């Protein structure tokens, strides 16, 4: 699993010009599911993200987590995180999990996050989405499952 996480003061995702998910202060998480990912990787990644200390404390140091801040999470599926651009000029996406594998795991990601008491909004799996982001910091990190 590959994720790109951004600390945001606001984020929303739209499909066909209609907002399908939005959050205020929290994390925008683009999720790319790999072909060998399972429930185990979902649980580990969610635990990492909700506890990741990337929010400022009273001294301005990144020392608080999403849980500490009672923030929200917007989860957006993004198979292009598995794009390989090593050869040629057109990315190959053969390393991404096929939709029938990725979609249930993407949905499980949102469910597992909500179990932590986090308000979760999502995009629409497989749709052409427009994402609006107000990146706070900016803070952007790339994580991979282990």
Foldseek 3Di string as FASTA:
>chain_A
DKKKKWFFQKKFKDFPPHTQWIFGGDIEIEDFAFAPDDPVLLLVVLVCQQAPQQDQDPVGDSGGGCLRVLGAYEYEYDLCVQWDCPDDHDTDSPRTHPPVVPVVSSVVSQVSNVVSVHHYTYDDPPGDMDMDGHGPVGDMDMDDGD
